[in-house]
């Protein structure tokens, strides 16, 4: 009897969590790689990753999801870097649930993953997990990108 009550409680909790999560997810437009914020003022690239890689500027791409805690923590850092390096660097957030093809293409197994691409679209550095601004800037400097 206790097992049945415990199972029912866990099941109800799982249903409640799934319901809460599904209500907080607002899908981005199909074909959009970047998940820009609800405001138009977001400095993050609003074009697909492939376009960013082809425009002749280095690119910092984060593969993650808006509900991922480390991804949420990195968003303000990425926005700040996008503003600071506006003319020198593309900053793109790839929402994995909406772009599984890109996650497969770049062999993404965890979230978040940051990939630094040079101006020719060649992968230079890859990092899995949270990456602070003080850790990102040296990678940019090594790639020849300064404020």
Protein backbone atom coordinates (compact mmCIF):
# COMPACT_ATOMS: atom_id res chain seq x y z
CA UNK A 1 0.00 0.00 0.00
CA UNK A 2 2.82 2.44 0.89
CA UNK A 3 4.52 1.65 -2.42
CA UNK A 4 1.34 2.44 -4.34
CA UNK A 5 0.92 5.78 -2.51
CA UNK A 6 4.58 6.66 -3.11
CA UNK A 7 4.30 5.74 -6.80
CA UNK A 8 1.12 7.81 -7.20
CA UNK A 9 2.75 10.79 -5.45
CA UNK A 10 5.82 10.62 -7.69
CA UNK A 11 3.64 10.28 -10.78
CA UNK A 12 1.54 13.31 -9.81
CA UNK A 13 4.69 15.33 -9.12
CA UNK A 14 6.13 14.38 -12.52
CA UNK A 15 2.91 15.38 -14.28
CA UNK A 16 2.87 18.71 -12.42
CA UNK A 17 6.50 19.43 -13.35
CA UNK A 18 5.94 18.57 -16.99
CA UNK A 19 2.89 20.79 -17.10
CA UNK A 20 4.77 23.71 -15.51
CA UNK A 21 7.70 23.31 -17.91
CA UNK A 22 5.55 23.09 -21.00
CA UNK A 23 3.76 26.31 -20.06
CA UNK A 24 7.04 28.21 -19.74
CA UNK A 25 8.44 27.21 -23.13
CA UNK A 26 7.79 29.55 -26.01
CA UNK A 27 9.15 28.11 -29.23
CA UNK A 28 11.28 30.26 -31.48
CA UNK A 29 10.52 30.74 -35.13
CA UNK A 30 11.45 27.78 -37.33
CA UNK A 31 14.70 28.31 -39.18
CA UNK A 32 16.05 30.75 -36.61
CA UNK A 33 19.25 29.62 -34.96
CA UNK A 34 19.56 32.39 -32.46
CA UNK A 35 17.17 32.68 -29.58
CA UNK A 36 17.02 36.41 -29.13
CA UNK A 37 15.23 37.76 -26.11
CA UNK A 38 11.69 39.02 -26.20
CA UNK A 39 12.97 42.54 -26.80
CA UNK A 40 14.32 43.70 -30.12
CA UNK A 41 17.28 45.23 -28.28
CA UNK A 42 19.11 41.93 -27.89
CA UNK A 43 22.61 42.11 -29.36
CA UNK A 44 22.70 38.39 -30.10
CA UNK A 45 22.76 37.42 -33.75
CA UNK A 46 19.32 36.90 -35.18
CA UNK A 47 20.44 34.83 -38.14
CA UNK A 48 21.29 31.15 -38.57
CA UNK A 49 24.62 29.76 -37.47
CA UNK A 50 25.61 28.90 -41.04
CA UNK A 51 25.08 32.51 -42.10
CA UNK A 52 27.17 33.72 -39.15
CA UNK A 53 29.97 31.32 -40.06
CA UNK A 54 29.93 32.53 -43.68
CA UNK A 55 29.96 36.29 -43.06
CA UNK A 56 33.74 36.58 -42.57
CA UNK A 57 33.70 37.37 -38.84
CA UNK A 58 34.70 34.96 -36.07
CA UNK A 59 31.74 33.39 -34.29
CA UNK A 60 31.07 32.32 -30.73
CA UNK A 61 28.21 29.82 -30.76
CA UNK A 62 26.62 28.46 -27.63
CA UNK A 63 24.60 25.28 -27.93
CA UNK A 64 22.09 25.11 -25.11
CA UNK A 65 18.49 25.62 -24.14
CA UNK A 66 16.66 28.48 -22.45
CA UNK A 67 15.56 26.22 -19.56
CA UNK A 68 19.10 24.98 -18.82
CA UNK A 69 20.40 26.66 -15.64
CA UNK A 70 24.04 27.17 -16.79
CA UNK A 71 22.72 28.37 -20.17
CA UNK A 72 20.52 30.94 -18.43
CA UNK A 73 23.54 32.09 -16.41
CA UNK A 74 25.62 32.51 -19.55
CA UNK A 75 23.04 34.51 -21.51
CA UNK A 76 23.88 37.93 -19.92
CA UNK A 77 27.58 37.23 -20.48
CA UNK A 78 26.98 36.41 -24.14
CA UNK A 79 24.82 39.52 -24.57
CA UNK A 80 27.54 41.67 -23.00
CA UNK A 81 30.19 40.16 -25.29
CA UNK A 82 27.95 40.64 -28.33
CA UNK A 83 27.69 44.35 -27.49
CA UNK A 84 31.37 44.78 -26.66
CA UNK A 85 32.60 42.99 -29.81
CA UNK A 86 29.71 44.03 -32.07
CA UNK A 87 31.73 44.69 -35.22
CA UNK A 88 34.30 41.94 -34.64
CA UNK A 89 32.41 38.86 -33.48
CA UNK A 90 29.15 37.04 -34.13
CA UNK A 91 27.55 35.67 -30.97
CA UNK A 92 24.87 33.05 -31.64
CA UNK A 93 22.82 30.91 -29.27
CA UNK A 94 21.62 27.65 -30.80
CA UNK A 95 18.55 26.25 -29.02
CA UNK A 96 19.22 22.51 -29.20
CA UNK A 97 15.57 21.35 -28.93
CA UNK A 98 14.75 23.38 -32.05
CA UNK A 99 17.97 22.62 -33.93
CA UNK A 100 18.81 19.00 -33.23
CA UNK A 101 20.36 18.77 -36.71
CA UNK A 102 23.03 21.31 -35.73
CA UNK A 103 23.60 19.59 -32.39
CA UNK A 104 24.18 16.35 -34.29
CA UNK A 105 26.39 18.04 -36.87
CA UNK A 106 28.65 19.50 -34.18
CA UNK A 107 28.47 16.38 -31.97
CA UNK A 108 26.93 18.18 -28.99
CA UNK A 109 26.31 15.75 -26.13
CA UNK A 110 25.82 18.09 -23.13
CA UNK A 111 24.59 21.62 -22.47
CA UNK A 112 25.89 24.22 -22.70
CA UNK A 113 28.71 23.88 -25.20
CA UNK A 114 30.53 26.91 -26.56
CA UNK A 115 32.36 26.66 -29.87
CA UNK A 116 34.69 29.39 -31.08
CA UNK A 117 34.96 29.54 -34.87
CA UNK A 118 37.53 31.59 -36.79
CA UNK A 119 36.57 33.97 -39.61
CA UNK A 120 36.67 31.06 -42.09
CA UNK A 121 34.17 29.02 -40.04
CA UNK A 122 36.81 26.59 -38.74
CA UNK A 123 36.32 25.36 -35.17
CA UNK A 124 39.13 26.68 -32.98
CA UNK A 125 38.08 25.97 -29.38
CA UNK A 126 35.30 23.96 -27.76
CA UNK A 127 34.20 24.06 -24.13
CA UNK A 128 31.43 22.14 -22.33
CA UNK A 129 29.71 23.68 -19.32
CA UNK A 130 29.48 27.18 -17.93
CA UNK A 131 32.19 29.51 -19.22
CA UNK A 132 32.62 32.87 -17.54
CA UNK A 133 33.53 36.11 -19.28
CA UNK A 134 37.01 36.04 -17.75
CA UNK A 135 37.53 32.64 -19.39
CA UNK A 136 36.06 33.63 -22.76
CA UNK A 137 38.10 36.79 -23.36
CA UNK A 138 41.50 35.00 -23.44
CA UNK A 139 40.14 32.64 -26.12
CA UNK A 140 39.01 35.64 -28.14
CA UNK A 141 42.42 37.30 -27.71
CA UNK A 142 44.23 34.15 -28.87
CA UNK A 143 42.04 34.27 -31.97
CA UNK A 144 43.11 37.90 -32.54
CA UNK A 145 39.83 39.45 -31.37
CA UNK A 146 40.23 42.48 -29.12
CA UNK A 147 37.79 45.21 -28.07
